[in-house]
Amino acid sequence: MGIPFGVVIGYAAGLVLLYLVGWLLLVPLKKLLKFIYNGILGGIILWVLNLVGGLINVRVAINPITALIVGFLGVPGIILILLLQFILEH
């Protein structure tokens, strides 16, 4: 008299389903945290750029869009923002 085979299969399927649901909930959370981290990092970079750029009269607005662009693209993002600002001003 042991554990019926159907019960063992049921528990195994439940564990696999629990693992899959946990994985599906964790992956978007990691991407969201990376998105927030890049935005904060981009904002800090723009803040430093405004501090240094104030000496040569270069300022960039710090908003969520510019912060995310700089956070994701890095130096090319800074160049992109500066070029767009130059083109739109002239």
PDB file of N, CA and C in Angstrom:
ATOM      1  N   MET A   1       0.840  -1.178   0.000  1.00  0.00           N
ATOM      2  CA  MET A   1       0.000   0.000   0.000  1.00  0.00           C
ATOM      3  C   MET A   1       0.884   1.240   0.000  1.00  0.00           C
ATOM      4  N   GLY A   2       1.081   1.850  -1.146  1.00  0.00           N
ATOM      5  CA  GLY A   2       1.931   3.022  -1.281  1.00  0.00           C
ATOM      6  C   GLY A   2       1.128   4.204  -1.803  1.00  0.00           C
ATOM      7  N   ILE A   3       1.852   5.179  -2.209  1.00  0.00           N
ATOM      8  CA  ILE A   3       1.223   6.376  -2.764  1.00  0.00           C
ATOM      9  C   ILE A   3       0.821   6.060  -4.202  1.00  0.00           C
ATOM     10  N   PRO A   4      -0.424   6.371  -4.553  1.00  0.00           N
ATOM     11  CA  PRO A   4      -0.861   6.104  -5.928  1.00  0.00           C
ATOM     12  C   PRO A   4      -0.035   6.919  -6.938  1.00  0.00           C
ATOM     13  N   PHE A   5       0.199   6.319  -8.083  1.00  0.00           N
ATOM     14  CA  PHE A   5       1.021   6.946  -9.125  1.00  0.00           C
ATOM     15  C   PHE A   5       0.410   8.261  -9.616  1.00  0.00           C
ATOM     16  N   GLY A   6      -0.892   8.346  -9.662  1.00  0.00           N
ATOM     17  CA  GLY A   6      -1.584   9.563 -10.090  1.00  0.00           C
ATOM     18  C   GLY A   6      -1.313  10.728  -9.149  1.00  0.00           C
ATOM     19  N   VAL A   7      -1.183  10.459  -7.862  1.00  0.00           N
ATOM     20  CA  VAL A   7      -0.905  11.513  -6.888  1.00  0.00           C
ATOM     21  C   VAL A   7       0.513  12.039  -7.090  1.00  0.00           C
ATOM     22  N   VAL A   8       1.455  11.151  -7.344  1.00  0.00           N
ATOM     23  CA  VAL A   8       2.842  11.564  -7.581  1.00  0.00           C
ATOM     24  C   VAL A   8       2.918  12.430  -8.841  1.00  0.00           C
ATOM     25  N   ILE A   9       2.245  12.024  -9.906  1.00  0.00           N
ATOM     26  CA  ILE A   9       2.217  12.800 -11.150  1.00  0.00           C
ATOM     27  C   ILE A   9       1.548  14.164 -10.899  1.00  0.00           C
ATOM     28  N   GLY A  10       0.496  14.190 -10.119  1.00  0.00           N
ATOM     29  CA  GLY A  10      -0.203  15.438  -9.799  1.00  0.00           C
ATOM     30  C   GLY A  10       0.704  16.412  -9.049  1.00  0.00           C
ATOM     31  N   TYR A  11       1.442  15.896  -8.052  1.00  0.00           N
ATOM     32  CA  TYR A  11       2.368  16.754  -7.316  1.00  0.00           C
ATOM     33  C   TYR A  11       3.499  17.257  -8.216  1.00  0.00           C
ATOM     34  N   ALA A  12       4.015  16.398  -9.061  1.00  0.00           N
ATOM     35  CA  ALA A  12       5.088  16.797  -9.972  1.00  0.00           C
ATOM     36  C   ALA A  12       4.601  17.874 -10.938  1.00  0.00           C
ATOM     37  N   ALA A  13       3.412  17.699 -11.474  1.00  0.00           N
ATOM     38  CA  ALA A  13       2.852  18.694 -12.390  1.00  0.00           C
ATOM     39  C   ALA A  13       2.598  20.012 -11.658  1.00  0.00           C
ATOM     40  N   GLY A  14       2.144  19.935 -10.432  1.00  0.00           N
ATOM     41  CA  GLY A  14       1.921  21.142  -9.631  1.00  0.00           C
ATOM     42  C   GLY A  14       3.218  21.893  -9.361  1.00  0.00           C
ATOM     43  N   LEU A  15       4.292  21.169  -9.065  1.00  0.00           N
ATOM     44  CA  LEU A  15       5.581  21.814  -8.836  1.00  0.00           C
ATOM     45  C   LEU A  15       6.124  22.473 -10.102  1.00  0.00           C
ATOM     46  N   VAL A  16       5.971  21.807 -11.227  1.00  0.00           N
ATOM     47  CA  VAL A  16       6.416  22.383 -12.498  1.00  0.00           C
ATOM     48  C   VAL A  16       5.597  23.637 -12.814  1.00  0.00           C
ATOM     49  N   LEU A  17       4.289  23.585 -12.601  1.00  0.00           N
ATOM     50  CA  LEU A  17       3.432  24.735 -12.845  1.00  0.00           C
ATOM     51  C   LEU A  17       3.784  25.892 -11.906  1.00  0.00           C
ATOM     52  N   LEU A  18       4.054  25.589 -10.633  1.00  0.00           N
ATOM     53  CA  LEU A  18       4.460  26.614  -9.679  1.00  0.00           C
ATOM     54  C   LEU A  18       5.773  27.266 -10.087  1.00  0.00           C
ATOM     55  N   TYR A  19       6.728  26.461 -10.565  1.00  0.00           N
ATOM     56  CA  TYR A  19       7.999  26.986 -11.047  1.00  0.00           C
ATOM     57  C   TYR A  19       7.790  27.913 -12.239  1.00  0.00           C
ATOM     58  N   LEU A  20       6.971  27.513 -13.196  1.00  0.00           N
ATOM     59  CA  LEU A  20       6.719  28.326 -14.387  1.00  0.00           C
ATOM     60  C   LEU A  20       6.030  29.649 -14.046  1.00  0.00           C
ATOM     61  N   VAL A  21       5.053  29.607 -13.160  1.00  0.00           N
ATOM     62  CA  VAL A  21       4.358  30.832 -12.759  1.00  0.00           C
ATOM     63  C   VAL A  21       5.324  31.766 -12.036  1.00  0.00           C
ATOM     64  N   GLY A  22       6.157  31.232 -11.139  1.00  0.00           N
ATOM     65  CA  GLY A  22       7.161  32.045 -10.448  1.00  0.00           C
ATOM     66  C   GLY A  22       8.148  32.660 -11.414  1.00  0.00           C
ATOM     67  N   TRP A  23       8.569  31.903 -12.406  1.00  0.00           N
ATOM     68  CA  TRP A  23       9.523  32.413 -13.397  1.00  0.00           C
ATOM     69  C   TRP A  23       8.893  33.529 -14.231  1.00  0.00           C
ATOM     70  N   LEU A  24       7.624  33.344 -14.620  1.00  0.00           N
ATOM     71  CA  LEU A  24       6.937  34.362 -15.413  1.00  0.00           C
ATOM     72  C   LEU A  24       6.729  35.657 -14.626  1.00  0.00           C
ATOM     73  N   LEU A  25       6.586  35.551 -13.318  1.00  0.00           N
ATOM     74  CA  LEU A  25       6.429  36.750 -12.504  1.00  0.00           C
ATOM     75  C   LEU A  25       7.766  37.421 -12.205  1.00  0.00           C
ATOM     76  N   LEU A  26       8.840  36.663 -12.164  1.00  0.00           N
ATOM     77  CA  LEU A  26      10.147  37.198 -11.801  1.00  0.00           C
ATOM     78  C   LEU A  26      10.834  37.883 -12.977  1.00  0.00           C
ATOM     79  N   VAL A  27      10.704  37.379 -14.175  1.00  0.00           N
ATOM     80  CA  VAL A  27      11.389  37.955 -15.339  1.00  0.00           C
ATOM     81  C   VAL A  27      10.939  39.387 -15.607  1.00  0.00           C
ATOM     82  N   PRO A  28       9.643  39.705 -15.636  1.00  0.00           N
ATOM     83  CA  PRO A  28       9.258  41.107 -15.854  1.00  0.00           C
ATOM     84  C   PRO A  28       9.738  42.025 -14.728  1.00  0.00           C
ATOM     85  N   LEU A  29       9.816  41.507 -13.501  1.00  0.00           N
ATOM     86  CA  LEU A  29      10.292  42.308 -12.382  1.00  0.00           C
ATOM     87  C   LEU A  29      11.756  42.682 -12.577  1.00  0.00           C
ATOM     88  N   LYS A  30      12.566  41.750 -13.066  1.00  0.00           N
ATOM     89  CA  LYS A  30      13.976  42.041 -13.331  1.00  0.00           C
ATOM     90  C   LYS A  30      14.109  43.107 -14.413  1.00  0.00           C
ATOM     91  N   LYS A  31      13.304  43.006 -15.466  1.00  0.00           N
ATOM     92  CA  LYS A  31      13.357  43.995 -16.543  1.00  0.00           C
ATOM     93  C   LYS A  31      12.905  45.363 -16.042  1.00  0.00           C
ATOM     94  N   LEU A  32      11.875  45.400 -15.211  1.00  0.00           N
ATOM     95  CA  LEU A  32      11.398  46.660 -14.652  1.00  0.00           C
ATOM     96  C   LEU A  32      12.462  47.302 -13.762  1.00  0.00           C
ATOM     97  N   LEU A  33      13.118  46.502 -12.936  1.00  0.00           N
ATOM     98  CA  LEU A  33      14.168  47.037 -12.074  1.00  0.00           C
ATOM     99  C   LEU A  33      15.341  47.567 -12.894  1.00  0.00           C
ATOM    100  N   LYS A  34      15.701  46.888 -13.978  1.00  0.00           N
ATOM    101  CA  LYS A  34      16.773  47.367 -14.843  1.00  0.00           C
ATOM    102  C   LYS A  34      16.369  48.671 -15.520  1.00  0.00           C
ATOM    103  N   PHE A  35      15.107  48.789 -15.927  1.00  0.00           N
ATOM    104  CA  PHE A  35      14.575  50.000 -16.550  1.00  0.00           C
ATOM    105  C   PHE A  35      14.678  51.180 -15.573  1.00  0.00           C
ATOM    106  N   ILE A  36      14.283  50.960 -14.321  1.00  0.00           N
ATOM    107  CA  ILE A  36      14.357  52.006 -13.296  1.00  0.00           C
ATOM    108  C   ILE A  36      15.803  52.374 -13.009  1.00  0.00           C
ATOM    109  N   TYR A  37      16.681  51.373 -12.902  1.00  0.00           N
ATOM    110  CA  TYR A  37      18.102  51.614 -12.644  1.00  0.00           C
ATOM    111  C   TYR A  37      18.721  52.447 -13.759  1.00  0.00           C
ATOM    112  N   ASN A  38      18.443  52.113 -15.005  1.00  0.00           N
ATOM    113  CA  ASN A  38      18.991  52.871 -16.140  1.00  0.00           C
ATOM    114  C   ASN A  38      18.464  54.306 -16.150  1.00  0.00           C
ATOM    115  N   GLY A  39      17.222  54.498 -15.801  1.00  0.00           N
ATOM    116  CA  GLY A  39      16.659  55.843 -15.750  1.00  0.00           C
ATOM    117  C   GLY A  39      17.315  56.702 -14.685  1.00  0.00           C
ATOM    118  N   ILE A  40      17.547  56.117 -13.513  1.00  0.00           N
ATOM    119  CA  ILE A  40      18.216  56.848 -12.437  1.00  0.00           C
ATOM    120  C   ILE A  40      19.650  57.169 -12.827  1.00  0.00           C
ATOM    121  N   LEU A  41      20.337  56.198 -13.405  1.00  0.00           N
ATOM    122  CA  LEU A  41      21.713  56.419 -13.846  1.00  0.00           C
ATOM    123  C   LEU A  41      21.777  57.505 -14.922  1.00  0.00           C
ATOM    124  N   GLY A  42      20.854  57.495 -15.854  1.00  0.00           N
ATOM    125  CA  GLY A  42      20.798  58.522 -16.889  1.00  0.00           C
ATOM    126  C   GLY A  42      20.548  59.903 -16.303  1.00  0.00           C
ATOM    127  N   GLY A  43      19.678  59.987 -15.301  1.00  0.00           N
ATOM    128  CA  GLY A  43      19.413  61.263 -14.640  1.00  0.00           C
ATOM    129  C   GLY A  43      20.646  61.806 -13.944  1.00  0.00           C
ATOM    130  N   ILE A  44      21.410  60.919 -13.307  1.00  0.00           N
ATOM    131  CA  ILE A  44      22.643  61.338 -12.638  1.00  0.00           C
ATOM    132  C   ILE A  44      23.659  61.828 -13.665  1.00  0.00           C
ATOM    133  N   ILE A  45      23.776  61.123 -14.778  1.00  0.00           N
ATOM    134  CA  ILE A  45      24.710  61.535 -15.831  1.00  0.00           C
ATOM    135  C   ILE A  45      24.314  62.899 -16.388  1.00  0.00           C
ATOM    136  N   LEU A  46      23.022  63.125 -16.610  1.00  0.00           N
ATOM    137  CA  LEU A  46      22.570  64.421 -17.113  1.00  0.00           C
ATOM    138  C   LEU A  46      22.811  65.527 -16.091  1.00  0.00           C
ATOM    139  N   TRP A  47      22.647  65.217 -14.823  1.00  0.00           N
ATOM    140  CA  TRP A  47      22.895  66.196 -13.775  1.00  0.00           C
ATOM    141  C   TRP A  47      24.362  66.622 -13.782  1.00  0.00           C
ATOM    142  N   VAL A  48      25.265  65.626 -13.891  1.00  0.00           N
ATOM    143  CA  VAL A  48      26.699  65.935 -13.958  1.00  0.00           C
ATOM    144  C   VAL A  48      27.005  66.719 -15.237  1.00  0.00           C
ATOM    145  N   LEU A  49      26.386  66.340 -16.342  1.00  0.00           N
ATOM    146  CA  LEU A  49      26.584  67.071 -17.599  1.00  0.00           C
ATOM    147  C   LEU A  49      26.151  68.528 -17.455  1.00  0.00           C
ATOM    148  N   ASN A  50      25.036  68.767 -16.763  1.00  0.00           N
ATOM    149  CA  ASN A  50      24.575  70.137 -16.557  1.00  0.00           C
ATOM    150  C   ASN A  50      25.525  70.916 -15.644  1.00  0.00           C
ATOM    151  N   LEU A  51      26.117  70.245 -14.660  1.00  0.00           N
ATOM    152  CA  LEU A  51      27.086  70.921 -13.794  1.00  0.00           C
ATOM    153  C   LEU A  51      28.314  71.342 -14.586  1.00  0.00           C
ATOM    154  N   VAL A  52      28.870  70.412 -15.357  1.00  0.00           N
ATOM    155  CA  VAL A  52      30.075  70.697 -16.139  1.00  0.00           C
ATOM    156  C   VAL A  52      29.723  71.569 -17.336  1.00  0.00           C
ATOM    157  N   GLY A  53      28.614  71.292 -17.981  1.00  0.00           N
ATOM    158  CA  GLY A  53      28.209  72.035 -19.167  1.00  0.00           C
ATOM    159  C   GLY A  53      27.799  73.460 -18.863  1.00  0.00           C
ATOM    160  N   GLY A  54      27.491  73.760 -17.607  1.00  0.00           N
ATOM    161  CA  GLY A  54      27.147  75.119 -17.232  1.00  0.00           C
ATOM    162  C   GLY A  54      28.307  76.074 -17.442  1.00  0.00           C
ATOM    163  N   LEU A  55      29.522  75.551 -17.414  1.00  0.00           N
ATOM    164  CA  LEU A  55      30.702  76.391 -17.632  1.00  0.00           C
ATOM    165  C   LEU A  55      30.810  76.858 -19.077  1.00  0.00           C
ATOM    166  N   ILE A  56      30.288  76.042 -20.010  1.00  0.00           N
ATOM    167  CA  ILE A  56      30.354  76.404 -21.431  1.00  0.00           C
ATOM    168  C   ILE A  56      28.956  76.632 -22.016  1.00  0.00           C
ATOM    169  N   ASN A  57      27.994  76.863 -21.102  1.00  0.00           N
ATOM    170  CA  ASN A  57      26.624  77.189 -21.497  1.00  0.00           C
ATOM    171  C   ASN A  57      25.936  76.053 -22.268  1.00  0.00           C
ATOM    172  N   VAL A  58      26.109  74.826 -21.819  1.00  0.00           N
ATOM    173  CA  VAL A  58      25.420  73.662 -22.393  1.00  0.00           C
ATOM    174  C   VAL A  58      24.544  73.072 -21.300  1.00  0.00           C
ATOM    175  N   ARG A  59      23.259  73.077 -21.516  1.00  0.00           N
ATOM    176  CA  ARG A  59      22.322  72.533 -20.536  1.00  0.00           C
ATOM    177  C   ARG A  59      21.340  71.607 -21.250  1.00  0.00           C
ATOM    178  N   VAL A  60      20.993  70.524 -20.562  1.00  0.00           N
ATOM    179  CA  VAL A  60      20.026  69.561 -21.087  1.00  0.00           C
ATOM    180  C   VAL A  60      18.941  69.395 -20.035  1.00  0.00           C
ATOM    181  N   ALA A  61      17.700  69.428 -20.471  1.00  0.00           N
ATOM    182  CA  ALA A  61      16.580  69.225 -19.550  1.00  0.00           C
ATOM    183  C   ALA A  61      16.607  67.801 -19.011  1.00  0.00           C
ATOM    184  N   ILE A  62      16.406  67.685 -17.713  1.00  0.00           N
ATOM    185  CA  ILE A  62      16.359  66.361 -17.096  1.00  0.00           C
ATOM    186  C   ILE A  62      14.888  65.996 -16.917  1.00  0.00           C
ATOM    187  N   ASN A  63      14.440  65.042 -17.718  1.00  0.00           N
ATOM    188  CA  ASN A  63      13.089  64.503 -17.603  1.00  0.00           C
ATOM    189  C   ASN A  63      13.175  62.999 -17.828  1.00  0.00           C
ATOM    190  N   PRO A  64      12.101  62.267 -17.592  1.00  0.00           N
ATOM    191  CA  PRO A  64      12.181  60.806 -17.720  1.00  0.00           C
ATOM    192  C   PRO A  64      12.641  60.319 -19.098  1.00  0.00           C
ATOM    193  N   ILE A  65      12.244  61.006 -20.155  1.00  0.00           N
ATOM    194  CA  ILE A  65      12.613  60.553 -21.507  1.00  0.00           C
ATOM    195  C   ILE A  65      14.112  60.715 -21.740  1.00  0.00           C
ATOM    196  N   THR A  66      14.645  61.899 -21.432  1.00  0.00           N
ATOM    197  CA  THR A  66      16.083  62.107 -21.649  1.00  0.00           C
ATOM    198  C   THR A  66      16.912  61.223 -20.724  1.00  0.00           C
ATOM    199  N   ALA A  67      16.447  61.035 -19.495  1.00  0.00           N
ATOM    200  CA  ALA A  67      17.178  60.189 -18.559  1.00  0.00           C
ATOM    201  C   ALA A  67      17.219  58.741 -19.045  1.00  0.00           C
ATOM    202  N   LEU A  68      16.108  58.240 -19.584  1.00  0.00           N
ATOM    203  CA  LEU A  68      16.087  56.863 -20.080  1.00  0.00           C
ATOM    204  C   LEU A  68      16.924  56.712 -21.340  1.00  0.00           C
ATOM    205  N   ILE A  69      16.903  57.724 -22.216  1.00  0.00           N
ATOM    206  CA  ILE A  69      17.721  57.653 -23.431  1.00  0.00           C
ATOM    207  C   ILE A  69      19.200  57.589 -23.062  1.00  0.00           C
ATOM    208  N   VAL A  70      19.621  58.467 -22.159  1.00  0.00           N
ATOM    209  CA  VAL A  70      21.024  58.468 -21.743  1.00  0.00           C
ATOM    210  C   VAL A  70      21.349  57.213 -20.943  1.00  0.00           C
ATOM    211  N   GLY A  71      20.415  56.743 -20.123  1.00  0.00           N
ATOM    212  CA  GLY A  71      20.649  55.536 -19.329  1.00  0.00           C
ATOM    213  C   GLY A  71      20.828  54.299 -20.186  1.00  0.00           C
ATOM    214  N   PHE A  72      20.067  54.192 -21.264  1.00  0.00           N
ATOM    215  CA  PHE A  72      20.171  53.016 -22.123  1.00  0.00           C
ATOM    216  C   PHE A  72      21.287  53.122 -23.157  1.00  0.00           C
ATOM    217  N   LEU A  73      21.494  54.303 -23.702  1.00  0.00           N
ATOM    218  CA  LEU A  73      22.474  54.436 -24.782  1.00  0.00           C
ATOM    219  C   LEU A  73      23.852  54.890 -24.308  1.00  0.00           C
ATOM    220  N   GLY A  74      23.932  55.460 -23.123  1.00  0.00           N
ATOM    221  CA  GLY A  74      25.225  55.917 -22.608  1.00  0.00           C
ATOM    222  C   GLY A  74      25.718  57.152 -23.341  1.00  0.00           C
ATOM    223  N   VAL A  75      26.994  57.159 -23.705  1.00  0.00           N
ATOM    224  CA  VAL A  75      27.606  58.303 -24.379  1.00  0.00           C
ATOM    225  C   VAL A  75      26.904  58.612 -25.710  1.00  0.00           C
ATOM    226  N   PRO A  76      26.579  57.615 -26.539  1.00  0.00           N
ATOM    227  CA  PRO A  76      25.828  57.951 -27.751  1.00  0.00           C
ATOM    228  C   PRO A  76      24.478  58.608 -27.443  1.00  0.00           C
ATOM    229  N   GLY A  77      23.864  58.276 -26.326  1.00  0.00           N
ATOM    230  CA  GLY A  77      22.618  58.909 -25.930  1.00  0.00           C
ATOM    231  C   GLY A  77      22.812  60.375 -25.589  1.00  0.00           C
ATOM    232  N   ILE A  78      23.917  60.689 -24.909  1.00  0.00           N
ATOM    233  CA  ILE A  78      24.232  62.083 -24.602  1.00  0.00           C
ATOM    234  C   ILE A  78      24.436  62.862 -25.890  1.00  0.00           C
ATOM    235  N   ILE A  79      25.198  62.287 -26.810  1.00  0.00           N
ATOM    236  CA  ILE A  79      25.448  62.950 -28.095  1.00  0.00           C
ATOM    237  C   ILE A  79      24.138  63.143 -28.848  1.00  0.00           C
ATOM    238  N   LEU A  80      23.273  62.128 -28.833  1.00  0.00           N
ATOM    239  CA  LEU A  80      21.974  62.223 -29.504  1.00  0.00           C
ATOM    240  C   LEU A  80      21.134  63.356 -28.919  1.00  0.00           C
ATOM    241  N   ILE A  81      21.055  63.440 -27.615  1.00  0.00           N
ATOM    242  CA  ILE A  81      20.274  64.487 -26.959  1.00  0.00           C
ATOM    243  C   ILE A  81      20.851  65.863 -27.290  1.00  0.00           C
ATOM    244  N   LEU A  82      22.180  65.994 -27.249  1.00  0.00           N
ATOM    245  CA  LEU A  82      22.805  67.282 -27.556  1.00  0.00           C
ATOM    246  C   LEU A  82      22.574  67.676 -29.019  1.00  0.00           C
ATOM    247  N   LEU A  83      22.678  66.710 -29.946  1.00  0.00           N
ATOM    248  CA  LEU A  83      22.428  67.006 -31.355  1.00  0.00           C
ATOM    249  C   LEU A  83      20.973  67.401 -31.603  1.00  0.00           C
ATOM    250  N   LEU A  84      20.037  66.684 -30.977  1.00  0.00           N
ATOM    251  CA  LEU A  84      18.624  67.036 -31.137  1.00  0.00           C
ATOM    252  C   LEU A  84      18.331  68.419 -30.572  1.00  0.00           C
ATOM    253  N   GLN A  85      18.940  68.722 -29.446  1.00  0.00           N
ATOM    254  CA  GLN A  85      18.757  70.037 -28.854  1.00  0.00           C
ATOM    255  C   GLN A  85      19.318  71.127 -29.766  1.00  0.00           C
ATOM    256  N   PHE A  86      20.486  70.890 -30.349  1.00  0.00           N
ATOM    257  CA  PHE A  86      21.109  71.857 -31.253  1.00  0.00           C
ATOM    258  C   PHE A  86      20.251  72.063 -32.510  1.00  0.00           C
ATOM    259  N   ILE A  87      19.759  70.959 -33.066  1.00  0.00           N
ATOM    260  CA  ILE A  87      18.938  71.046 -34.290  1.00  0.00           C
ATOM    261  C   ILE A  87      17.625  71.768 -34.003  1.00  0.00           C
ATOM    262  N   LEU A  88      17.000  71.485 -32.897  1.00  0.00           N
ATOM    263  CA  LEU A  88      15.706  72.105 -32.596  1.00  0.00           C
ATOM    264  C   LEU A  88      15.827  73.572 -32.213  1.00  0.00           C
ATOM    265  N   GLU A  89      16.980  73.983 -31.697  1.00  0.00           N
ATOM    266  CA  GLU A  89      17.166  75.387 -31.337  1.00  0.00           C
ATOM    267  C   GLU A  89      17.466  76.249 -32.548  1.00  0.00           C
ATOM    268  N   HIS A  90      18.052  75.676 -33.581  1.00  0.00           N
ATOM    269  CA  HIS A  90      18.470  76.489 -34.750  1.00  0.00           C
ATOM    270  C   HIS A  90      17.601  76.221 -35.925  1.00  0.00           C
TER     271      HIS A  90
END
